[in-house]
């Protein structure tokens, strides 16, 4: 047997088993589910309460901005642990110094980004988006002058 194709057999088996597991769960769900529908099962479920607002109600963009900022900073900080573990095993002190300087640059970029977002008002929920845009445009025009 060709060694190249032999090395892909476990990967192909894993992909096959993953697909079969997903299809099996879907089939069991279809098999065990009730076939009857009622008004309660067709209604919108909102934490056990009757729906309070229209489904087309718009959400403030602030919720999404804060969620994206959390993901951005959380992922960047989560990258520091494997980086620190890797460089803790390095014996050469010159490489440790380079890694430490690299770490300081990374943290400085994070802090600059955080300060920029704070000054732009991304964390202030009390003002509306239009007020923040007007302030940002006024500040930009003031800097340009």
N, C-alpha and C. Protein backbone atom coordinates (compact mmCIF):
# COMPACT_ATOMS: atom_id res chain seq x y z
N UNK A 1 0.84 -1.18 0.00
CA UNK A 1 0.00 0.00 0.00
C UNK A 1 0.89 1.24 0.00
N UNK A 2 0.48 2.24 -0.71
CA UNK A 2 1.22 3.48 -0.81
C UNK A 2 1.24 4.17 0.56
N UNK A 3 2.43 4.56 1.08
CA UNK A 3 2.47 5.18 2.41
C UNK A 3 1.72 6.51 2.47
N UNK A 4 1.65 7.22 1.35
CA UNK A 4 0.94 8.49 1.35
C UNK A 4 -0.56 8.28 1.57
N UNK A 5 -1.14 7.35 0.86
CA UNK A 5 -2.57 7.09 1.04
C UNK A 5 -2.83 6.41 2.38
N UNK A 6 -1.89 5.62 2.85
CA UNK A 6 -2.06 4.94 4.13
C UNK A 6 -2.12 5.96 5.28
N UNK A 7 -1.39 7.07 5.17
CA UNK A 7 -1.39 8.07 6.24
C UNK A 7 -2.69 8.85 6.30
N UNK A 8 -3.47 8.85 5.22
CA UNK A 8 -4.73 9.58 5.22
C UNK A 8 -5.91 8.73 5.66
N UNK A 9 -5.72 7.46 5.86
CA UNK A 9 -6.82 6.58 6.26
C UNK A 9 -7.40 6.98 7.61
N UNK A 10 -6.60 7.26 8.65
CA UNK A 10 -7.20 7.68 9.92
C UNK A 10 -7.97 9.00 9.82
N UNK A 11 -7.46 9.91 9.00
CA UNK A 11 -8.15 11.19 8.83
C UNK A 11 -9.48 10.98 8.12
N UNK A 12 -9.48 10.18 7.08
CA UNK A 12 -10.72 9.89 6.36
C UNK A 12 -11.71 9.18 7.28
N UNK A 13 -11.22 8.27 8.11
CA UNK A 13 -12.10 7.57 9.05
C UNK A 13 -12.69 8.55 10.06
N UNK A 14 -11.88 9.49 10.55
CA UNK A 14 -12.38 10.49 11.51
C UNK A 14 -13.46 11.37 10.87
N UNK A 15 -13.24 11.80 9.64
CA UNK A 15 -14.23 12.62 8.94
C UNK A 15 -15.50 11.81 8.72
N UNK A 16 -15.36 10.58 8.30
CA UNK A 16 -16.53 9.72 8.09
C UNK A 16 -17.32 9.53 9.38
N UNK A 17 -16.63 9.27 10.48
CA UNK A 17 -17.32 9.07 11.76
C UNK A 17 -17.97 10.36 12.25
N UNK A 18 -17.36 11.50 12.00
CA UNK A 18 -17.95 12.78 12.39
C UNK A 18 -19.25 13.02 11.64
N UNK A 19 -19.23 12.79 10.33
CA UNK A 19 -20.43 12.97 9.52
C UNK A 19 -21.52 11.98 9.95
N UNK A 20 -21.14 10.74 10.18
CA UNK A 20 -22.12 9.73 10.59
C UNK A 20 -22.70 10.03 11.97
N UNK A 21 -21.91 10.58 12.88
CA UNK A 21 -22.42 10.96 14.19
C UNK A 21 -23.45 12.08 14.06
N UNK A 22 -23.13 13.08 13.26
CA UNK A 22 -24.09 14.17 13.05
C UNK A 22 -25.38 13.68 12.41
N UNK A 23 -25.27 12.85 11.39
CA UNK A 23 -26.47 12.30 10.73
C UNK A 23 -27.24 11.39 11.67
N UNK A 24 -26.53 10.62 12.50
CA UNK A 24 -27.19 9.74 13.46
C UNK A 24 -27.98 10.51 14.49
N UNK A 25 -27.43 11.60 14.98
CA UNK A 25 -28.13 12.43 15.96
C UNK A 25 -29.37 13.06 15.31
N UNK A 26 -29.23 13.54 14.10
CA UNK A 26 -30.40 14.11 13.41
C UNK A 26 -31.48 13.05 13.18
N UNK A 27 -31.08 11.85 12.79
CA UNK A 27 -32.04 10.78 12.55
C UNK A 27 -32.74 10.38 13.85
N UNK A 28 -31.99 10.25 14.95
CA UNK A 28 -32.61 9.92 16.23
C UNK A 28 -33.55 11.02 16.71
N UNK A 29 -33.19 12.25 16.48
CA UNK A 29 -34.07 13.36 16.84
C UNK A 29 -35.37 13.29 16.05
N UNK A 30 -35.28 13.01 14.77
CA UNK A 30 -36.47 12.90 13.94
C UNK A 30 -37.31 11.70 14.37
N UNK A 31 -36.64 10.59 14.69
CA UNK A 31 -37.33 9.36 15.05
C UNK A 31 -38.05 9.48 16.39
N UNK A 32 -37.44 10.13 17.36
CA UNK A 32 -38.00 10.21 18.70
C UNK A 32 -38.88 11.43 18.93
N UNK A 33 -38.90 12.35 18.02
CA UNK A 33 -39.69 13.57 18.23
C UNK A 33 -41.16 13.31 17.98
N UNK A 34 -41.96 14.16 18.58
CA UNK A 34 -43.40 14.09 18.35
C UNK A 34 -43.75 14.67 17.00
N UNK A 35 -44.73 14.08 16.36
CA UNK A 35 -45.11 14.54 15.02
C UNK A 35 -46.24 15.57 15.09
N UNK A 36 -46.84 15.73 16.26
CA UNK A 36 -47.95 16.65 16.38
C UNK A 36 -47.45 18.06 16.68
N UNK A 37 -48.08 19.03 16.09
CA UNK A 37 -47.75 20.41 16.41
C UNK A 37 -48.95 21.07 17.07
N UNK A 38 -48.68 22.03 17.91
CA UNK A 38 -49.74 22.75 18.60
C UNK A 38 -49.43 24.24 18.53
N UNK A 39 -50.35 25.02 19.03
CA UNK A 39 -50.15 26.46 19.00
C UNK A 39 -48.96 26.83 19.91
N UNK A 40 -48.81 26.11 21.01
CA UNK A 40 -47.71 26.40 21.92
C UNK A 40 -46.36 26.05 21.29
N UNK A 41 -46.29 24.95 20.55
CA UNK A 41 -45.02 24.58 19.95
C UNK A 41 -44.67 25.45 18.76
N UNK A 42 -45.63 26.10 18.15
CA UNK A 42 -45.39 26.97 17.01
C UNK A 42 -45.13 28.42 17.42
N UNK A 43 -45.36 28.76 18.69
CA UNK A 43 -45.18 30.15 19.12
C UNK A 43 -43.70 30.42 19.41
N UNK A 44 -43.38 31.69 19.48
CA UNK A 44 -42.01 32.12 19.74
C UNK A 44 -41.73 31.93 21.23
N UNK A 45 -40.58 31.36 21.54
CA UNK A 45 -40.20 31.12 22.93
C UNK A 45 -39.19 32.17 23.36
N UNK A 46 -39.52 32.91 24.41
CA UNK A 46 -38.62 33.96 24.88
C UNK A 46 -38.45 33.82 26.39
N UNK A 47 -37.59 32.92 26.78
CA UNK A 47 -37.26 32.69 28.19
C UNK A 47 -38.49 32.34 29.02
N UNK A 48 -39.44 31.64 28.45
CA UNK A 48 -40.61 31.21 29.18
C UNK A 48 -41.68 32.27 29.31
N UNK A 49 -41.46 33.44 28.75
CA UNK A 49 -42.44 34.53 28.83
C UNK A 49 -43.07 34.74 27.47
N UNK A 50 -44.21 35.39 27.47
CA UNK A 50 -44.80 35.78 26.20
C UNK A 50 -43.90 36.81 25.54
N UNK A 51 -43.82 36.80 24.22
CA UNK A 51 -42.96 37.79 23.54
C UNK A 51 -43.40 39.21 23.90
N UNK A 52 -42.41 40.05 24.22
CA UNK A 52 -42.72 41.40 24.68
C UNK A 52 -42.66 42.44 23.57
N UNK A 53 -41.83 42.19 22.59
CA UNK A 53 -41.66 43.17 21.52
C UNK A 53 -41.89 42.49 20.18
N UNK A 54 -41.99 43.32 19.17
CA UNK A 54 -42.16 42.80 17.81
C UNK A 54 -40.88 42.13 17.36
N UNK A 55 -40.97 41.09 16.54
CA UNK A 55 -39.75 40.42 16.08
C UNK A 55 -38.86 41.31 15.21
N UNK A 56 -39.42 42.37 14.66
CA UNK A 56 -38.64 43.24 13.78
C UNK A 56 -38.02 44.41 14.54
N UNK A 57 -38.11 44.42 15.87
CA UNK A 57 -37.54 45.51 16.66
C UNK A 57 -36.03 45.52 16.48
N UNK A 58 -35.48 46.72 16.30
CA UNK A 58 -34.05 46.84 16.10
C UNK A 58 -33.32 46.95 17.44
N UNK A 59 -32.19 46.29 17.51
CA UNK A 59 -31.34 46.38 18.69
C UNK A 59 -30.30 47.46 18.47
N UNK A 60 -29.86 48.03 19.56
CA UNK A 60 -28.79 49.01 19.47
C UNK A 60 -27.50 48.31 19.05
N UNK A 61 -26.72 48.97 18.25
CA UNK A 61 -25.46 48.40 17.79
C UNK A 61 -24.48 48.25 18.94
N UNK A 62 -24.71 48.96 20.05
CA UNK A 62 -23.78 48.91 21.17
C UNK A 62 -23.61 47.49 21.71
N UNK A 63 -24.67 46.71 21.72
CA UNK A 63 -24.57 45.34 22.22
C UNK A 63 -23.58 44.54 21.36
N UNK A 64 -23.68 44.72 20.06
CA UNK A 64 -22.80 43.98 19.16
C UNK A 64 -21.36 44.48 19.23
N UNK A 65 -21.20 45.79 19.38
CA UNK A 65 -19.85 46.36 19.47
C UNK A 65 -19.14 45.84 20.71
N UNK A 66 -19.84 45.85 21.84
CA UNK A 66 -19.22 45.37 23.07
C UNK A 66 -18.90 43.88 22.96
N UNK A 67 -19.79 43.10 22.35
CA UNK A 67 -19.52 41.66 22.19
C UNK A 67 -18.30 41.43 21.31
N UNK A 68 -18.19 42.16 20.21
CA UNK A 68 -17.03 42.01 19.33
C UNK A 68 -15.74 42.46 20.00
N UNK A 69 -15.82 43.55 20.77
CA UNK A 69 -14.63 44.00 21.49
C UNK A 69 -14.20 42.98 22.53
N UNK A 70 -15.16 42.38 23.22
CA UNK A 70 -14.82 41.35 24.19
C UNK A 70 -14.13 40.18 23.51
N UNK A 71 -14.68 39.74 22.40
CA UNK A 71 -14.07 38.61 21.69
C UNK A 71 -12.67 38.98 21.21
N UNK A 72 -12.52 40.18 20.68
CA UNK A 72 -11.22 40.61 20.18
C UNK A 72 -10.17 40.60 21.29
N UNK A 73 -10.46 41.27 22.40
CA UNK A 73 -9.48 41.35 23.48
C UNK A 73 -9.32 40.02 24.20
N UNK A 74 -10.38 39.25 24.32
CA UNK A 74 -10.30 37.96 24.99
C UNK A 74 -9.42 36.99 24.21
N UNK A 75 -9.59 36.94 22.91
CA UNK A 75 -8.78 36.04 22.09
C UNK A 75 -7.31 36.48 22.13
N UNK A 76 -7.06 37.77 22.06
CA UNK A 76 -5.68 38.23 22.09
C UNK A 76 -5.01 37.91 23.42
N UNK A 77 -5.74 38.08 24.51
CA UNK A 77 -5.17 37.75 25.82
C UNK A 77 -5.03 36.24 25.98
N UNK A 78 -5.95 35.47 25.42
CA UNK A 78 -5.85 34.02 25.50
C UNK A 78 -4.64 33.49 24.74
N UNK A 79 -4.15 34.25 23.76
CA UNK A 79 -2.95 33.84 23.04
C UNK A 79 -1.68 34.02 23.86
N UNK A 80 -1.77 34.77 24.93
CA UNK A 80 -0.58 35.01 25.74
C UNK A 80 -0.16 33.77 26.53
N UNK A 81 -1.08 32.94 26.96
CA UNK A 81 -0.72 31.77 27.77
C UNK A 81 0.14 30.77 27.01
N UNK A 82 -0.27 30.30 25.82
CA UNK A 82 0.63 29.38 25.11
C UNK A 82 1.96 30.03 24.73
N UNK A 83 1.93 31.30 24.46
CA UNK A 83 3.15 32.02 24.14
C UNK A 83 4.08 32.01 25.35
N UNK A 84 3.55 32.30 26.53
CA UNK A 84 4.36 32.32 27.75
C UNK A 84 4.87 30.93 28.10
N UNK A 85 4.05 29.91 27.92
CA UNK A 85 4.48 28.54 28.22
C UNK A 85 5.61 28.14 27.28
N UNK A 86 5.50 28.50 26.02
CA UNK A 86 6.55 28.15 25.06
C UNK A 86 7.87 28.81 25.42
N UNK A 87 7.82 30.10 25.72
CA UNK A 87 9.07 30.81 25.99
C UNK A 87 9.58 30.58 27.40
N UNK A 88 8.80 29.99 28.28
CA UNK A 88 9.33 29.67 29.61
C UNK A 88 10.32 28.51 29.53
N UNK A 89 10.21 27.67 28.51
CA UNK A 89 11.11 26.54 28.35
C UNK A 89 12.38 26.86 27.59
N UNK A 90 12.50 28.08 27.09
CA UNK A 90 13.69 28.47 26.33
C UNK A 90 14.82 28.75 27.32
N UNK A 91 15.97 28.13 27.08
CA UNK A 91 17.09 28.27 28.01
C UNK A 91 17.93 29.51 27.73
N UNK A 92 18.00 29.92 26.48
CA UNK A 92 18.85 31.04 26.09
C UNK A 92 18.24 32.35 26.58
N UNK A 93 19.00 33.12 27.37
CA UNK A 93 18.46 34.36 27.93
C UNK A 93 18.27 35.44 26.88
N UNK A 94 19.05 35.41 25.80
CA UNK A 94 18.85 36.43 24.76
C UNK A 94 17.50 36.22 24.06
N UNK A 95 17.11 34.96 23.86
CA UNK A 95 15.79 34.70 23.28
C UNK A 95 14.68 35.10 24.24
N UNK A 96 14.91 34.90 25.53
CA UNK A 96 13.90 35.32 26.52
C UNK A 96 13.74 36.83 26.51
N UNK A 97 14.84 37.56 26.35
CA UNK A 97 14.76 39.02 26.30
C UNK A 97 14.01 39.47 25.05
N UNK A 98 14.28 38.84 23.92
CA UNK A 98 13.56 39.17 22.68
C UNK A 98 12.08 38.85 22.85
N UNK A 99 11.78 37.72 23.48
CA UNK A 99 10.38 37.35 23.70
C UNK A 99 9.70 38.34 24.64
N UNK A 100 10.41 38.81 25.64
CA UNK A 100 9.83 39.77 26.58
C UNK A 100 9.56 41.11 25.89
N UNK A 101 10.48 41.55 25.04
CA UNK A 101 10.26 42.79 24.29
C UNK A 101 9.08 42.63 23.34
N UNK A 102 9.00 41.46 22.72
CA UNK A 102 7.86 41.17 21.85
C UNK A 102 6.55 41.21 22.64
N UNK A 103 6.57 40.66 23.85
CA UNK A 103 5.41 40.69 24.73
C UNK A 103 5.02 42.13 25.07
N UNK A 104 6.01 42.97 25.39
CA UNK A 104 5.71 44.37 25.72
C UNK A 104 5.11 45.11 24.52
N UNK A 105 5.60 44.83 23.32
CA UNK A 105 5.04 45.46 22.12
C UNK A 105 3.60 45.01 21.93
N UNK A 106 3.34 43.73 22.12
CA UNK A 106 1.98 43.20 21.98
C UNK A 106 1.03 43.86 22.98
N UNK A 107 1.44 43.96 24.23
CA UNK A 107 0.61 44.59 25.26
C UNK A 107 0.43 46.08 24.96
N UNK A 108 1.47 46.73 24.47
CA UNK A 108 1.35 48.16 24.13
C UNK A 108 0.32 48.36 23.02
N UNK A 109 0.32 47.48 22.03
CA UNK A 109 -0.67 47.59 20.94
C UNK A 109 -2.08 47.39 21.51
N UNK A 110 -2.24 46.42 22.42
CA UNK A 110 -3.55 46.22 23.04
C UNK A 110 -3.99 47.44 23.83
N UNK A 111 -3.08 48.03 24.59
CA UNK A 111 -3.42 49.20 25.40
C UNK A 111 -3.76 50.39 24.50
N UNK A 112 -3.01 50.58 23.43
CA UNK A 112 -3.32 51.68 22.50
C UNK A 112 -4.70 51.48 21.89
N UNK A 113 -5.01 50.25 21.48
CA UNK A 113 -6.34 49.97 20.94
C UNK A 113 -7.43 50.19 21.96
N UNK A 114 -7.19 49.78 23.19
CA UNK A 114 -8.18 49.97 24.25
C UNK A 114 -8.41 51.45 24.53
N UNK A 115 -7.33 52.22 24.61
CA UNK A 115 -7.45 53.66 24.86
C UNK A 115 -8.19 54.33 23.71
N UNK A 116 -7.88 53.95 22.47
CA UNK A 116 -8.57 54.52 21.31
C UNK A 116 -10.07 54.24 21.39
N UNK A 117 -10.42 53.01 21.69
CA UNK A 117 -11.84 52.67 21.77
C UNK A 117 -12.52 53.38 22.93
N UNK A 118 -11.82 53.56 24.03
CA UNK A 118 -12.38 54.27 25.17
C UNK A 118 -12.62 55.73 24.81
N UNK A 119 -11.64 56.35 24.15
CA UNK A 119 -11.79 57.76 23.76
C UNK A 119 -12.85 57.93 22.68
N UNK A 120 -13.04 56.89 21.83
CA UNK A 120 -14.06 56.97 20.79
C UNK A 120 -15.46 56.76 21.37
N UNK A 121 -15.54 56.31 22.61
CA UNK A 121 -16.83 56.13 23.26
C UNK A 121 -17.47 54.79 23.00
N UNK A 122 -16.68 53.79 22.66
CA UNK A 122 -17.25 52.48 22.35
C UNK A 122 -17.80 51.80 23.60
N UNK A 123 -17.36 52.22 24.78
CA UNK A 123 -17.82 51.59 26.00
C UNK A 123 -18.89 52.41 26.72
N UNK A 124 -19.26 53.55 26.17
CA UNK A 124 -20.26 54.42 26.79
C UNK A 124 -21.63 54.11 26.21
N UNK A 125 -22.48 53.50 27.00
CA UNK A 125 -23.81 53.11 26.53
C UNK A 125 -24.84 54.20 26.73
N UNK A 126 -24.48 55.26 27.41
CA UNK A 126 -25.48 56.27 27.72
C UNK A 126 -25.75 57.22 26.55
N UNK A 127 -24.80 57.33 25.63
CA UNK A 127 -24.99 58.20 24.48
C UNK A 127 -25.44 57.40 23.27
N UNK A 128 -26.19 58.03 22.41
CA UNK A 128 -26.65 57.35 21.21
C UNK A 128 -25.54 57.34 20.16
N UNK A 129 -25.72 56.51 19.17
CA UNK A 129 -24.73 56.39 18.10
C UNK A 129 -24.61 57.70 17.32
N UNK A 130 -25.71 58.38 17.10
CA UNK A 130 -25.65 59.63 16.33
C UNK A 130 -24.89 60.71 17.11
N UNK A 131 -25.05 60.74 18.45
CA UNK A 131 -24.29 61.71 19.24
C UNK A 131 -22.80 61.43 19.16
N UNK A 132 -22.44 60.16 19.22
CA UNK A 132 -21.02 59.81 19.15
C UNK A 132 -20.44 60.13 17.78
N UNK A 133 -21.21 59.89 16.72
CA UNK A 133 -20.73 60.23 15.37
C UNK A 133 -20.50 61.73 15.24
N UNK A 134 -21.44 62.51 15.77
CA UNK A 134 -21.30 63.96 15.69
C UNK A 134 -20.07 64.43 16.45
N UNK A 135 -19.84 63.86 17.63
CA UNK A 135 -18.65 64.23 18.41
C UNK A 135 -17.37 63.81 17.70
N UNK A 136 -17.37 62.62 17.10
CA UNK A 136 -16.18 62.15 16.40
C UNK A 136 -15.89 63.02 15.19
N UNK A 137 -16.93 63.43 14.45
CA UNK A 137 -16.72 64.29 13.30
C UNK A 137 -16.22 65.66 13.73
N UNK A 138 -16.76 66.18 14.84
CA UNK A 138 -16.30 67.49 15.33
C UNK A 138 -14.85 67.40 15.78
N UNK A 139 -14.48 66.34 16.44
CA UNK A 139 -13.09 66.17 16.89
C UNK A 139 -12.17 66.03 15.69
N UNK A 140 -12.61 65.32 14.66
CA UNK A 140 -11.79 65.13 13.46
C UNK A 140 -11.60 66.46 12.74
N UNK A 141 -12.66 67.25 12.65
CA UNK A 141 -12.55 68.55 11.99
C UNK A 141 -11.67 69.50 12.81
N UNK A 142 -11.74 69.37 14.13
CA UNK A 142 -10.91 70.22 14.99
C UNK A 142 -9.43 69.84 14.85
N UNK A 143 -9.13 68.54 14.71
CA UNK A 143 -7.75 68.10 14.53
C UNK A 143 -7.22 68.52 13.17
N UNK A 144 -8.09 68.50 12.16
CA UNK A 144 -7.66 68.85 10.81
C UNK A 144 -7.37 70.34 10.68
N UNK A 145 -8.03 71.16 11.51
CA UNK A 145 -7.85 72.61 11.42
C UNK A 145 -6.59 73.09 12.10
